[in-house]
């Protein structure tokens, strides 16, 4: 049996698109059932979770922008 190949920094995994990183996750059973309902194909799990992360990040940025805007409107002298 051969040893697994050690990848150089920045080198992509065989058969994977550049920029894709494999990650092992542990999910609650209920969360897994929801994932299966939203992304029935196993190959779609990563894409679906990636989209959720991007959407969550965008919403947090928007909330922060709105908070800052509200502070300038409600307390203009500070």
PDB file of N, CA and C in Angstrom:
ATOM      1  N   UNK A   1       0.851  -1.177   0.000  1.00  0.00           N
ATOM      2  CA  UNK A   1       0.000   0.000   0.000  1.00  0.00           C
ATOM      3  C   UNK A   1       0.896   1.239   0.000  1.00  0.00           C
ATOM      4  N   UNK A   2       0.599   2.198  -0.875  1.00  0.00           N
ATOM      5  CA  UNK A   2       1.430   3.387  -0.976  1.00  0.00           C
ATOM      6  C   UNK A   2       0.934   4.461  -0.007  1.00  0.00           C
ATOM      7  N   UNK A   3       1.839   5.310   0.374  1.00  0.00           N
ATOM      8  CA  UNK A   3       1.516   6.420   1.273  1.00  0.00           C
ATOM      9  C   UNK A   3       0.777   7.499   0.485  1.00  0.00           C
ATOM     10  N   UNK A   4      -0.167   8.206   1.123  1.00  0.00           N
ATOM     11  CA  UNK A   4      -0.842   9.300   0.426  1.00  0.00           C
ATOM     12  C   UNK A   4       0.148  10.391   0.066  1.00  0.00           C
ATOM     13  N   UNK A   5      -0.084  11.009  -1.072  1.00  0.00           N
ATOM     14  CA  UNK A   5       0.794  12.065  -1.550  1.00  0.00           C
ATOM     15  C   UNK A   5       0.582  13.328  -0.716  1.00  0.00           C
ATOM     16  N   UNK A   6       1.655  13.934  -0.270  1.00  0.00           N
ATOM     17  CA  UNK A   6       1.581  15.204   0.449  1.00  0.00           C
ATOM     18  C   UNK A   6       1.531  16.307  -0.594  1.00  0.00           C
ATOM     19  N   UNK A   7       0.521  17.143  -0.494  1.00  0.00           N
ATOM     20  CA  UNK A   7       0.350  18.219  -1.472  1.00  0.00           C
ATOM     21  C   UNK A   7       1.187  19.427  -1.101  1.00  0.00           C
ATOM     22  N   UNK A   8       1.709  20.068  -2.127  1.00  0.00           N
ATOM     23  CA  UNK A   8       2.425  21.325  -1.934  1.00  0.00           C
ATOM     24  C   UNK A   8       1.411  22.414  -1.613  1.00  0.00           C
ATOM     25  N   UNK A   9       1.809  23.456  -0.885  1.00  0.00           N
ATOM     26  CA  UNK A   9       0.874  24.560  -0.607  1.00  0.00           C
ATOM     27  C   UNK A   9       0.302  25.131  -1.894  1.00  0.00           C
ATOM     28  N   UNK A  10      -1.013  25.259  -1.941  1.00  0.00           N
ATOM     29  CA  UNK A  10      -1.684  25.796  -3.116  1.00  0.00           C
ATOM     30  C   UNK A  10      -2.028  24.767  -4.171  1.00  0.00           C
ATOM     31  N   UNK A  11      -1.512  23.556  -4.056  1.00  0.00           N
ATOM     32  CA  UNK A  11      -1.796  22.503  -5.029  1.00  0.00           C
ATOM     33  C   UNK A  11      -3.195  21.949  -4.772  1.00  0.00           C
ATOM     34  N   UNK A  12      -3.986  21.746  -5.847  1.00  0.00           N
ATOM     35  CA  UNK A  12      -5.360  21.265  -5.657  1.00  0.00           C
ATOM     36  C   UNK A  12      -5.392  19.743  -5.590  1.00  0.00           C
ATOM     37  N   UNK A  13      -6.429  19.225  -4.963  1.00  0.00           N
ATOM     38  CA  UNK A  13      -6.618  17.792  -4.850  1.00  0.00           C
ATOM     39  C   UNK A  13      -6.994  17.218  -6.211  1.00  0.00           C
ATOM     40  N   UNK A  14      -6.591  15.991  -6.471  1.00  0.00           N
ATOM     41  CA  UNK A  14      -6.908  15.335  -7.736  1.00  0.00           C
ATOM     42  C   UNK A  14      -8.415  15.211  -7.895  1.00  0.00           C
ATOM     43  N   UNK A  15      -8.912  15.614  -9.041  1.00  0.00           N
ATOM     44  CA  UNK A  15     -10.328  15.486  -9.324  1.00  0.00           C
ATOM     45  C   UNK A  15     -11.187  16.591  -8.739  1.00  0.00           C
ATOM     46  N   UNK A  16     -10.582  17.562  -8.074  1.00  0.00           N
ATOM     47  CA  UNK A  16     -11.350  18.662  -7.485  1.00  0.00           C
ATOM     48  C   UNK A  16     -11.029  19.955  -8.224  1.00  0.00           C
ATOM     49  N   UNK A  17     -12.008  20.816  -8.259  1.00  0.00           N
ATOM     50  CA  UNK A  17     -11.802  22.122  -8.885  1.00  0.00           C
ATOM     51  C   UNK A  17     -10.806  22.926  -8.055  1.00  0.00           C
ATOM     52  N   UNK A  18     -10.025  23.775  -8.702  1.00  0.00           N
ATOM     53  CA  UNK A  18      -9.104  24.635  -7.945  1.00  0.00           C
ATOM     54  C   UNK A  18      -9.888  25.509  -6.964  1.00  0.00           C
ATOM     55  N   UNK A  19      -9.345  25.703  -5.793  1.00  0.00           N
ATOM     56  CA  UNK A  19     -10.003  26.533  -4.800  1.00  0.00           C
ATOM     57  C   UNK A  19     -10.983  25.782  -3.918  1.00  0.00           C
ATOM     58  N   UNK A  20     -11.147  24.488  -4.143  1.00  0.00           N
ATOM     59  CA  UNK A  20     -12.062  23.675  -3.335  1.00  0.00           C
ATOM     60  C   UNK A  20     -11.251  22.987  -2.249  1.00  0.00           C
ATOM     61  N   UNK A  21     -11.748  23.060  -1.025  1.00  0.00           N
ATOM     62  CA  UNK A  21     -11.064  22.441   0.107  1.00  0.00           C
ATOM     63  C   UNK A  21     -12.000  21.425   0.742  1.00  0.00           C
ATOM     64  N   UNK A  22     -11.593  20.165   0.847  1.00  0.00           N
ATOM     65  CA  UNK A  22     -12.455  19.173   1.500  1.00  0.00           C
ATOM     66  C   UNK A  22     -12.493  19.426   3.008  1.00  0.00           C
ATOM     67  N   UNK A  23     -13.691  19.324   3.586  1.00  0.00           N
ATOM     68  CA  UNK A  23     -13.881  19.555   5.019  1.00  0.00           C
ATOM     69  C   UNK A  23     -14.806  18.482   5.561  1.00  0.00           C
ATOM     70  N   UNK A  24     -14.457  17.922   6.690  1.00  0.00           N
ATOM     71  CA  UNK A  24     -15.354  16.987   7.373  1.00  0.00           C
ATOM     72  C   UNK A  24     -16.192  17.778   8.362  1.00  0.00           C
ATOM     73  N   UNK A  25     -17.494  17.524   8.387  1.00  0.00           N
ATOM     74  CA  UNK A  25     -18.411  18.229   9.276  1.00  0.00           C
ATOM     75  C   UNK A  25     -19.154  17.237  10.154  1.00  0.00           C
ATOM     76  N   UNK A  26     -19.515  17.694  11.330  1.00  0.00           N
ATOM     77  CA  UNK A  26     -20.415  16.942  12.182  1.00  0.00           C
ATOM     78  C   UNK A  26     -21.678  17.775  12.310  1.00  0.00           C
ATOM     79  N   UNK A  27     -22.810  17.188  11.946  1.00  0.00           N
ATOM     80  CA  UNK A  27     -24.088  17.897  11.981  1.00  0.00           C
ATOM     81  C   UNK A  27     -25.037  17.226  12.962  1.00  0.00           C
ATOM     82  N   UNK A  28     -25.938  18.020  13.524  1.00  0.00           N
ATOM     83  CA  UNK A  28     -27.050  17.442  14.289  1.00  0.00           C
ATOM     84  C   UNK A  28     -27.884  16.617  13.317  1.00  0.00           C
ATOM     85  N   UNK A  29     -28.532  15.599  13.834  1.00  0.00           N
ATOM     86  CA  UNK A  29     -29.359  14.740  12.986  1.00  0.00           C
ATOM     87  C   UNK A  29     -30.437  15.552  12.261  1.00  0.00           C
ATOM     88  N   UNK A  30     -31.083  16.476  12.986  1.00  0.00           N
ATOM     89  CA  UNK A  30     -32.128  17.292  12.368  1.00  0.00           C
ATOM     90  C   UNK A  30     -31.560  18.195  11.270  1.00  0.00           C
ATOM     91  N   UNK A  31     -30.369  18.745  11.512  1.00  0.00           N
ATOM     92  CA  UNK A  31     -29.736  19.588  10.497  1.00  0.00           C
ATOM     93  C   UNK A  31     -29.400  18.763   9.256  1.00  0.00           C
ATOM     94  N   UNK A  32     -28.958  17.537   9.465  1.00  0.00           N
ATOM     95  CA  UNK A  32     -28.645  16.665   8.332  1.00  0.00           C
ATOM     96  C   UNK A  32     -29.892  16.351   7.510  1.00  0.00           C
ATOM     97  N   UNK A  33     -30.993  16.113   8.186  1.00  0.00           N
ATOM     98  CA  UNK A  33     -32.245  15.843   7.475  1.00  0.00           C
ATOM     99  C   UNK A  33     -32.671  17.061   6.653  1.00  0.00           C
ATOM    100  N   UNK A  34     -32.501  18.247   7.217  1.00  0.00           N
ATOM    101  CA  UNK A  34     -32.812  19.473   6.471  1.00  0.00           C
ATOM    102  C   UNK A  34     -31.881  19.629   5.275  1.00  0.00           C
ATOM    103  N   UNK A  35     -30.604  19.327   5.470  1.00  0.00           N
ATOM    104  CA  UNK A  35     -29.642  19.401   4.365  1.00  0.00           C
ATOM    105  C   UNK A  35     -30.045  18.449   3.248  1.00  0.00           C
ATOM    106  N   UNK A  36     -30.411  17.234   3.609  1.00  0.00           N
ATOM    107  CA  UNK A  36     -30.832  16.259   2.591  1.00  0.00           C
ATOM    108  C   UNK A  36     -32.072  16.723   1.850  1.00  0.00           C
ATOM    109  N   UNK A  37     -32.978  17.416   2.562  1.00  0.00           N
ATOM    110  CA  UNK A  37     -34.197  17.911   1.920  1.00  0.00           C
ATOM    111  C   UNK A  37     -33.885  19.061   0.962  1.00  0.00           C
ATOM    112  N   UNK A  38     -32.920  19.899   1.313  1.00  0.00           N
ATOM    113  CA  UNK A  38     -32.592  21.064   0.493  1.00  0.00           C
ATOM    114  C   UNK A  38     -31.621  20.745  -0.635  1.00  0.00           C
ATOM    115  N   UNK A  39     -30.733  19.783  -0.407  1.00  0.00           N
ATOM    116  CA  UNK A  39     -29.734  19.403  -1.415  1.00  0.00           C
ATOM    117  C   UNK A  39     -29.697  17.873  -1.476  1.00  0.00           C
ATOM    118  N   UNK A  40     -30.645  17.273  -2.198  1.00  0.00           N
ATOM    119  CA  UNK A  40     -30.763  15.814  -2.177  1.00  0.00           C
ATOM    120  C   UNK A  40     -29.540  15.053  -2.703  1.00  0.00           C
ATOM    121  N   UNK A  41     -28.795  15.629  -3.624  1.00  0.00           N
ATOM    122  CA  UNK A  41     -27.614  14.937  -4.151  1.00  0.00           C
ATOM    123  C   UNK A  41     -26.414  15.225  -3.258  1.00  0.00           C
ATOM    124  N   UNK A  42     -25.679  14.189  -2.868  1.00  0.00           N
ATOM    125  CA  UNK A  42     -24.528  14.382  -1.981  1.00  0.00           C
ATOM    126  C   UNK A  42     -23.516  15.368  -2.548  1.00  0.00           C
ATOM    127  N   UNK A  43     -23.357  15.367  -3.867  1.00  0.00           N
ATOM    128  CA  UNK A  43     -22.399  16.293  -4.471  1.00  0.00           C
ATOM    129  C   UNK A  43     -22.852  17.739  -4.349  1.00  0.00           C
ATOM    130  N   UNK A  44     -24.117  17.961  -4.042  1.00  0.00           N
ATOM    131  CA  UNK A  44     -24.639  19.320  -3.898  1.00  0.00           C
ATOM    132  C   UNK A  44     -24.482  19.850  -2.472  1.00  0.00           C
ATOM    133  N   UNK A  45     -24.129  19.004  -1.519  1.00  0.00           N
ATOM    134  CA  UNK A  45     -24.007  19.443  -0.130  1.00  0.00           C
ATOM    135  C   UNK A  45     -23.016  20.595   0.014  1.00  0.00           C
ATOM    136  N   UNK A  46     -21.833  20.428  -0.544  1.00  0.00           N
ATOM    137  CA  UNK A  46     -20.806  21.459  -0.412  1.00  0.00           C
ATOM    138  C   UNK A  46     -21.227  22.778  -1.027  1.00  0.00           C
ATOM    139  N   UNK A  47     -21.814  22.714  -2.198  1.00  0.00           N
ATOM    140  CA  UNK A  47     -22.275  23.928  -2.878  1.00  0.00           C
ATOM    141  C   UNK A  47     -23.362  24.614  -2.048  1.00  0.00           C
ATOM    142  N   UNK A  48     -24.290  23.823  -1.506  1.00  0.00           N
ATOM    143  CA  UNK A  48     -25.378  24.378  -0.705  1.00  0.00           C
ATOM    144  C   UNK A  48     -24.842  25.036   0.570  1.00  0.00           C
ATOM    145  N   UNK A  49     -23.950  24.360   1.277  1.00  0.00           N
ATOM    146  CA  UNK A  49     -23.376  24.921   2.503  1.00  0.00           C
ATOM    147  C   UNK A  49     -22.546  26.160   2.187  1.00  0.00           C
ATOM    148  N   UNK A  50     -21.811  26.146   1.073  1.00  0.00           N
ATOM    149  CA  UNK A  50     -21.049  27.327   0.662  1.00  0.00           C
ATOM    150  C   UNK A  50     -21.968  28.516   0.440  1.00  0.00           C
ATOM    151  N   UNK A  51     -23.086  28.292  -0.252  1.00  0.00           N
ATOM    152  CA  UNK A  51     -24.048  29.378  -0.499  1.00  0.00           C
ATOM    153  C   UNK A  51     -24.612  29.915   0.807  1.00  0.00           C
ATOM    154  N   UNK A  52     -24.910  29.016   1.760  1.00  0.00           N
ATOM    155  CA  UNK A  52     -25.409  29.458   3.061  1.00  0.00           C
ATOM    156  C   UNK A  52     -24.395  30.353   3.764  1.00  0.00           C
ATOM    157  N   UNK A  53     -23.140  29.981   3.702  1.00  0.00           N
ATOM    158  CA  UNK A  53     -22.090  30.777   4.341  1.00  0.00           C
ATOM    159  C   UNK A  53     -21.989  32.146   3.679  1.00  0.00           C
ATOM    160  N   UNK A  54     -21.998  32.194   2.349  1.00  0.00           N
ATOM    161  CA  UNK A  54     -21.949  33.479   1.645  1.00  0.00           C
ATOM    162  C   UNK A  54     -23.151  34.356   1.996  1.00  0.00           C
ATOM    163  N   UNK A  55     -24.341  33.761   2.028  1.00  0.00           N
ATOM    164  CA  UNK A  55     -25.548  34.519   2.356  1.00  0.00           C
ATOM    165  C   UNK A  55     -25.499  35.037   3.791  1.00  0.00           C
ATOM    166  N   UNK A  56     -25.062  34.210   4.709  1.00  0.00           N
ATOM    167  CA  UNK A  56     -24.954  34.618   6.110  1.00  0.00           C
ATOM    168  C   UNK A  56     -23.976  35.780   6.249  1.00  0.00           C
ATOM    169  N   UNK A  57     -22.851  35.669   5.578  1.00  0.00           N
ATOM    170  CA  UNK A  57     -21.849  36.733   5.617  1.00  0.00           C
ATOM    171  C   UNK A  57     -22.409  38.044   5.056  1.00  0.00           C
ATOM    172  N   UNK A  58     -23.106  37.977   3.937  1.00  0.00           N
ATOM    173  CA  UNK A  58     -23.691  39.176   3.326  1.00  0.00           C
ATOM    174  C   UNK A  58     -24.715  39.816   4.260  1.00  0.00           C
ATOM    175  N   UNK A  59     -25.527  39.008   4.929  1.00  0.00           N
ATOM    176  CA  UNK A  59     -26.527  39.549   5.860  1.00  0.00           C
ATOM    177  C   UNK A  59     -25.868  40.223   7.055  1.00  0.00           C
ATOM    178  N   UNK A  60     -24.800  39.626   7.568  1.00  0.00           N
ATOM    179  CA  UNK A  60     -24.084  40.245   8.699  1.00  0.00           C
ATOM    180  C   UNK A  60     -23.480  41.574   8.289  1.00  0.00           C
ATOM    181  N   UNK A  61     -22.891  41.629   7.102  1.00  0.00           N
ATOM    182  CA  UNK A  61     -22.328  42.895   6.619  1.00  0.00           C
ATOM    183  C   UNK A  61     -23.420  43.953   6.466  1.00  0.00           C
ATOM    184  N   UNK A  62     -24.579  43.552   5.942  1.00  0.00           N
ATOM    185  CA  UNK A  62     -25.686  44.486   5.764  1.00  0.00           C
ATOM    186  C   UNK A  62     -26.198  44.982   7.114  1.00  0.00           C
ATOM    187  N   UNK A  63     -26.319  44.096   8.086  1.00  0.00           N
ATOM    188  CA  UNK A  63     -26.739  44.523   9.428  1.00  0.00           C
ATOM    189  C   UNK A  63     -25.756  45.524  10.019  1.00  0.00           C
ATOM    190  N   UNK A  64     -24.461  45.242   9.861  1.00  0.00           N
ATOM    191  CA  UNK A  64     -23.442  46.155  10.383  1.00  0.00           C
ATOM    192  C   UNK A  64     -23.537  47.508   9.692  1.00  0.00           C
ATOM    193  N   UNK A  65     -23.739  47.508   8.389  1.00  0.00           N
ATOM    194  CA  UNK A  65     -23.871  48.757   7.648  1.00  0.00           C
ATOM    195  C   UNK A  65     -25.086  49.546   8.133  1.00  0.00           C
ATOM    196  N   UNK A  66     -26.210  48.854   8.360  1.00  0.00           N
ATOM    197  CA  UNK A  66     -27.416  49.512   8.849  1.00  0.00           C
ATOM    198  C   UNK A  66     -27.236  50.057  10.263  1.00  0.00           C
ATOM    199  N   UNK A  67     -26.543  49.303  11.125  1.00  0.00           N
ATOM    200  CA  UNK A  67     -26.271  49.793  12.480  1.00  0.00           C
ATOM    201  C   UNK A  67     -25.470  51.087  12.437  1.00  0.00           C
ATOM    202  N   UNK A  68     -24.434  51.090  11.629  1.00  0.00           N
ATOM    203  CA  UNK A  68     -23.597  52.289  11.510  1.00  0.00           C
ATOM    204  C   UNK A  68     -24.398  53.456  10.958  1.00  0.00           C
ATOM    205  N   UNK A  69     -25.247  53.194   9.980  1.00  0.00           N
ATOM    206  CA  UNK A  69     -26.085  54.245   9.403  1.00  0.00           C
ATOM    207  C   UNK A  69     -27.057  54.793  10.448  1.00  0.00           C
ATOM    208  N   UNK A  70     -27.674  53.905  11.224  1.00  0.00           N
ATOM    209  CA  UNK A  70     -28.611  54.340  12.256  1.00  0.00           C
ATOM    210  C   UNK A  70     -27.907  55.176  13.325  1.00  0.00           C
ATOM    211  N   UNK A  71     -26.684  54.823  13.671  1.00  0.00           N
ATOM    212  CA  UNK A  71     -25.945  55.608  14.656  1.00  0.00           C
ATOM    213  C   UNK A  71     -25.678  57.015  14.138  1.00  0.00           C
ATOM    214  N   UNK A  72     -25.334  57.141  12.865  1.00  0.00           N
ATOM    215  CA  UNK A  72     -25.077  58.469  12.315  1.00  0.00           C
ATOM    216  C   UNK A  72     -26.356  59.272  12.203  1.00  0.00           C
ATOM    217  N   UNK A  73     -27.486  58.638  11.970  1.00  0.00           N
ATOM    218  CA  UNK A  73     -28.758  59.339  11.852  1.00  0.00           C
ATOM    219  C   UNK A  73     -29.276  59.752  13.234  1.00  0.00           C
ATOM    220  N   UNK A  74     -29.200  58.829  14.203  1.00  0.00           N
ATOM    221  CA  UNK A  74     -29.753  59.093  15.536  1.00  0.00           C
ATOM    222  C   UNK A  74     -28.820  59.935  16.400  1.00  0.00           C
ATOM    223  N   UNK A  75     -27.525  59.813  16.199  1.00  0.00           N
ATOM    224  CA  UNK A  75     -26.547  60.560  16.998  1.00  0.00           C
ATOM    225  C   UNK A  75     -25.535  61.221  16.066  1.00  0.00           C
ATOM    226  N   UNK A  76     -25.967  62.248  15.324  1.00  0.00           N
ATOM    227  CA  UNK A  76     -25.093  62.825  14.301  1.00  0.00           C
ATOM    228  C   UNK A  76     -23.847  63.512  14.860  1.00  0.00           C
ATOM    229  N   UNK A  77     -23.876  64.009  16.095  1.00  0.00           N
ATOM    230  CA  UNK A  77     -22.730  64.745  16.628  1.00  0.00           C
ATOM    231  C   UNK A  77     -21.650  63.867  17.194  1.00  0.00           C
ATOM    232  N   UNK A  78     -21.871  62.605  17.330  1.00  0.00           N
ATOM    233  CA  UNK A  78     -20.871  61.730  17.973  1.00  0.00           C
ATOM    234  C   UNK A  78     -19.941  61.103  16.985  1.00  0.00           C
TER     235      UNK A  78
END
